[in-house]
């Protein structure tokens, strides 16, 4: 549930800003954080 919430939030924030560089940075930051918090199956 956390992963889904983070992805949806990141997508909304990335689309809300009018700066491509900031948008990419937001998505990359969330992706990196999710990779760090990934638990083994």
PDB file of N, CA and C in Angstrom:
ATOM      1  N   UNK A   1       0.825  -1.188   0.000  1.00  0.00           N
ATOM      2  CA  UNK A   1       0.000   0.000   0.000  1.00  0.00           C
ATOM      3  C   UNK A   1       0.875   1.261   0.000  1.00  0.00           C
ATOM      4  N   UNK A   2       1.976   1.205   0.732  1.00  0.00           N
ATOM      5  CA  UNK A   2       2.890   2.343   0.765  1.00  0.00           C
ATOM      6  C   UNK A   2       3.466   2.618  -0.613  1.00  0.00           C
ATOM      7  N   UNK A   3       3.842   1.565  -1.312  1.00  0.00           N
ATOM      8  CA  UNK A   3       4.419   1.728  -2.648  1.00  0.00           C
ATOM      9  C   UNK A   3       3.426   2.385  -3.594  1.00  0.00           C
ATOM     10  N   UNK A   4       2.213   1.907  -3.594  1.00  0.00           N
ATOM     11  CA  UNK A   4       1.190   2.474  -4.460  1.00  0.00           C
ATOM     12  C   UNK A   4       0.944   3.942  -4.131  1.00  0.00           C
ATOM     13  N   UNK A   5       0.844   4.258  -2.861  1.00  0.00           N
ATOM     14  CA  UNK A   5       0.623   5.645  -2.438  1.00  0.00           C
ATOM     15  C   UNK A   5       1.774   6.547  -2.869  1.00  0.00           C
ATOM     16  N   UNK A   6       2.994   6.055  -2.709  1.00  0.00           N
ATOM     17  CA  UNK A   6       4.167   6.845  -3.104  1.00  0.00           C
ATOM     18  C   UNK A   6       4.187   7.071  -4.607  1.00  0.00           C
ATOM     19  N   UNK A   7       3.863   6.049  -5.373  1.00  0.00           N
ATOM     20  CA  UNK A   7       3.868   6.184  -6.830  1.00  0.00           C
ATOM     21  C   UNK A   7       2.792   7.141  -7.322  1.00  0.00           C
ATOM     22  N   UNK A   8       1.607   7.026  -6.760  1.00  0.00           N
ATOM     23  CA  UNK A   8       0.516   7.927  -7.151  1.00  0.00           C
ATOM     24  C   UNK A   8       0.850   9.363  -6.762  1.00  0.00           C
ATOM     25  N   UNK A   9       1.342   9.541  -5.549  1.00  0.00           N
ATOM     26  CA  UNK A   9       1.722  10.885  -5.101  1.00  0.00           C
ATOM     27  C   UNK A   9       2.822  11.486  -5.956  1.00  0.00           C
ATOM     28  N   UNK A  10       3.817  10.686  -6.286  1.00  0.00           N
ATOM     29  CA  UNK A  10       4.918  11.176  -7.121  1.00  0.00           C
ATOM     30  C   UNK A  10       4.418  11.570  -8.507  1.00  0.00           C
ATOM     31  N   UNK A  11       3.548  10.751  -9.079  1.00  0.00           N
ATOM     32  CA  UNK A  11       3.009  11.057 -10.404  1.00  0.00           C
ATOM     33  C   UNK A  11       2.190  12.349 -10.379  1.00  0.00           C
ATOM     34  N   UNK A  12       1.372  12.511  -9.341  1.00  0.00           N
ATOM     35  CA  UNK A  12       0.566  13.734  -9.228  1.00  0.00           C
ATOM     36  C   UNK A  12       1.447  14.972  -9.066  1.00  0.00           C
ATOM     37  N   UNK A  13       2.437  14.871  -8.202  1.00  0.00           N
ATOM     38  CA  UNK A  13       3.341  16.010  -7.985  1.00  0.00           C
ATOM     39  C   UNK A  13       4.129  16.335  -9.253  1.00  0.00           C
ATOM     40  N   UNK A  14       4.611  15.300  -9.924  1.00  0.00           N
ATOM     41  CA  UNK A  14       5.405  15.508 -11.134  1.00  0.00           C
ATOM     42  C   UNK A  14       4.587  16.190 -12.229  1.00  0.00           C
ATOM     43  N   UNK A  15       3.315  15.843 -12.309  1.00  0.00           N
ATOM     44  CA  UNK A  15       2.463  16.467 -13.320  1.00  0.00           C
ATOM     45  C   UNK A  15       2.010  17.866 -12.917  1.00  0.00           C
ATOM     46  N   UNK A  16       1.996  18.143 -11.616  1.00  0.00           N
ATOM     47  CA  UNK A  16       1.501  19.428 -11.128  1.00  0.00           C
ATOM     48  C   UNK A  16       2.496  20.561 -11.341  1.00  0.00           C
ATOM     49  N   UNK A  17       3.785  20.234 -11.394  1.00  0.00           N
ATOM     50  CA  UNK A  17       4.784  21.283 -11.562  1.00  0.00           C
ATOM     51  C   UNK A  17       4.985  21.599 -13.037  1.00  0.00           C
ATOM     52  N   UNK A  18       5.369  22.819 -13.310  1.00  0.00           N
ATOM     53  CA  UNK A  18       5.557  23.270 -14.689  1.00  0.00           C
ATOM     54  C   UNK A  18       7.039  23.359 -15.033  1.00  0.00           C
ATOM     55  N   UNK A  19       7.800  22.417 -14.518  1.00  0.00           N
ATOM     56  CA  UNK A  19       9.247  22.411 -14.721  1.00  0.00           C
ATOM     57  C   UNK A  19       9.670  20.961 -14.948  1.00  0.00           C
ATOM     58  N   UNK A  20      10.077  20.657 -16.158  1.00  0.00           N
ATOM     59  CA  UNK A  20      10.417  19.274 -16.531  1.00  0.00           C
ATOM     60  C   UNK A  20      11.530  18.706 -15.651  1.00  0.00           C
ATOM     61  N   UNK A  21      12.534  19.531 -15.357  1.00  0.00           N
ATOM     62  CA  UNK A  21      13.657  19.074 -14.537  1.00  0.00           C
ATOM     63  C   UNK A  21      13.201  18.715 -13.123  1.00  0.00           C
ATOM     64  N   UNK A  22      12.378  19.555 -12.522  1.00  0.00           N
ATOM     65  CA  UNK A  22      11.847  19.273 -11.190  1.00  0.00           C
ATOM     66  C   UNK A  22      10.961  18.034 -11.210  1.00  0.00           C
ATOM     67  N   UNK A  23      10.152  17.900 -12.239  1.00  0.00           N
ATOM     68  CA  UNK A  23       9.297  16.729 -12.388  1.00  0.00           C
ATOM     69  C   UNK A  23      10.127  15.449 -12.412  1.00  0.00           C
ATOM     70  N   UNK A  24      11.170  15.440 -13.220  1.00  0.00           N
ATOM     71  CA  UNK A  24      12.053  14.269 -13.302  1.00  0.00           C
ATOM     72  C   UNK A  24      12.744  13.999 -11.973  1.00  0.00           C
ATOM     73  N   UNK A  25      13.130  15.061 -11.293  1.00  0.00           N
ATOM     74  CA  UNK A  25      13.794  14.917  -9.995  1.00  0.00           C
ATOM     75  C   UNK A  25      12.850  14.307  -8.953  1.00  0.00           C
ATOM     76  N   UNK A  26      11.608  14.736  -8.939  1.00  0.00           N
ATOM     77  CA  UNK A  26      10.618  14.171  -8.014  1.00  0.00           C
ATOM     78  C   UNK A  26      10.436  12.671  -8.257  1.00  0.00           C
ATOM     79  N   UNK A  27      10.272  12.296  -9.509  1.00  0.00           N
ATOM     80  CA  UNK A  27      10.075  10.884  -9.839  1.00  0.00           C
ATOM     81  C   UNK A  27      11.297  10.052  -9.480  1.00  0.00           C
ATOM     82  N   UNK A  28      12.476  10.571  -9.771  1.00  0.00           N
ATOM     83  CA  UNK A  28      13.715   9.842  -9.471  1.00  0.00           C
ATOM     84  C   UNK A  28      13.903   9.678  -7.965  1.00  0.00           C
ATOM     85  N   UNK A  29      13.589  10.715  -7.206  1.00  0.00           N
ATOM     86  CA  UNK A  29      13.758  10.651  -5.751  1.00  0.00           C
ATOM     87  C   UNK A  29      12.835   9.597  -5.141  1.00  0.00           C
ATOM     88  N   UNK A  30      11.600   9.557  -5.593  1.00  0.00           N
ATOM     89  CA  UNK A  30      10.664   8.567  -5.063  1.00  0.00           C
ATOM     90  C   UNK A  30      11.089   7.162  -5.484  1.00  0.00           C
ATOM     91  N   UNK A  31      11.497   7.007  -6.730  1.00  0.00           N
ATOM     92  CA  UNK A  31      11.951   5.691  -7.203  1.00  0.00           C
ATOM     93  C   UNK A  31      13.143   5.201  -6.394  1.00  0.00           C
ATOM     94  N   UNK A  32      14.084   6.073  -6.144  1.00  0.00           N
ATOM     95  CA  UNK A  32      15.272   5.693  -5.367  1.00  0.00           C
ATOM     96  C   UNK A  32      14.899   5.301  -3.944  1.00  0.00           C
ATOM     97  N   UNK A  33      14.015   6.064  -3.334  1.00  0.00           N
ATOM     98  CA  UNK A  33      13.589   5.753  -1.968  1.00  0.00           C
ATOM     99  C   UNK A  33      12.854   4.418  -1.892  1.00  0.00           C
ATOM    100  N   UNK A  34      12.005   4.170  -2.877  1.00  0.00           N
ATOM    101  CA  UNK A  34      11.272   2.897  -2.893  1.00  0.00           C
ATOM    102  C   UNK A  34      12.221   1.719  -3.096  1.00  0.00           C
ATOM    103  N   UNK A  35      13.233   1.897  -3.906  1.00  0.00           N
ATOM    104  CA  UNK A  35      14.220   0.823  -4.109  1.00  0.00           C
ATOM    105  C   UNK A  35      14.960   0.520  -2.816  1.00  0.00           C
ATOM    106  N   UNK A  36      15.274   1.540  -2.058  1.00  0.00           N
ATOM    107  CA  UNK A  36      15.978   1.344  -0.773  1.00  0.00           C
ATOM    108  C   UNK A  36      15.099   0.622   0.238  1.00  0.00           C
ATOM    109  N   UNK A  37      13.809   0.886   0.213  1.00  0.00           N
ATOM    110  CA  UNK A  37      12.888   0.311   1.187  1.00  0.00           C
ATOM    111  C   UNK A  37      12.285  -1.006   0.740  1.00  0.00           C
ATOM    112  N   UNK A  38      12.676  -1.486  -0.428  1.00  0.00           N
ATOM    113  CA  UNK A  38      12.116  -2.728  -0.958  1.00  0.00           C
ATOM    114  C   UNK A  38      12.456  -3.889  -0.045  1.00  0.00           C
ATOM    115  N   UNK A  39      11.450  -4.637   0.351  1.00  0.00           N
ATOM    116  CA  UNK A  39      11.705  -5.789   1.220  1.00  0.00           C
ATOM    117  C   UNK A  39      11.723  -7.062   0.376  1.00  0.00           C
ATOM    118  N   UNK A  40      12.558  -8.016   0.771  1.00  0.00           N
ATOM    119  CA  UNK A  40      12.623  -9.262   0.018  1.00  0.00           C
ATOM    120  C   UNK A  40      11.312 -10.026   0.126  1.00  0.00           C
ATOM    121  N   UNK A  41      10.936 -10.674  -0.959  1.00  0.00           N
ATOM    122  CA  UNK A  41       9.653 -11.416  -0.997  1.00  0.00           C
ATOM    123  C   UNK A  41       9.721 -12.728  -0.262  1.00  0.00           C
TER     124      UNK A  41
END
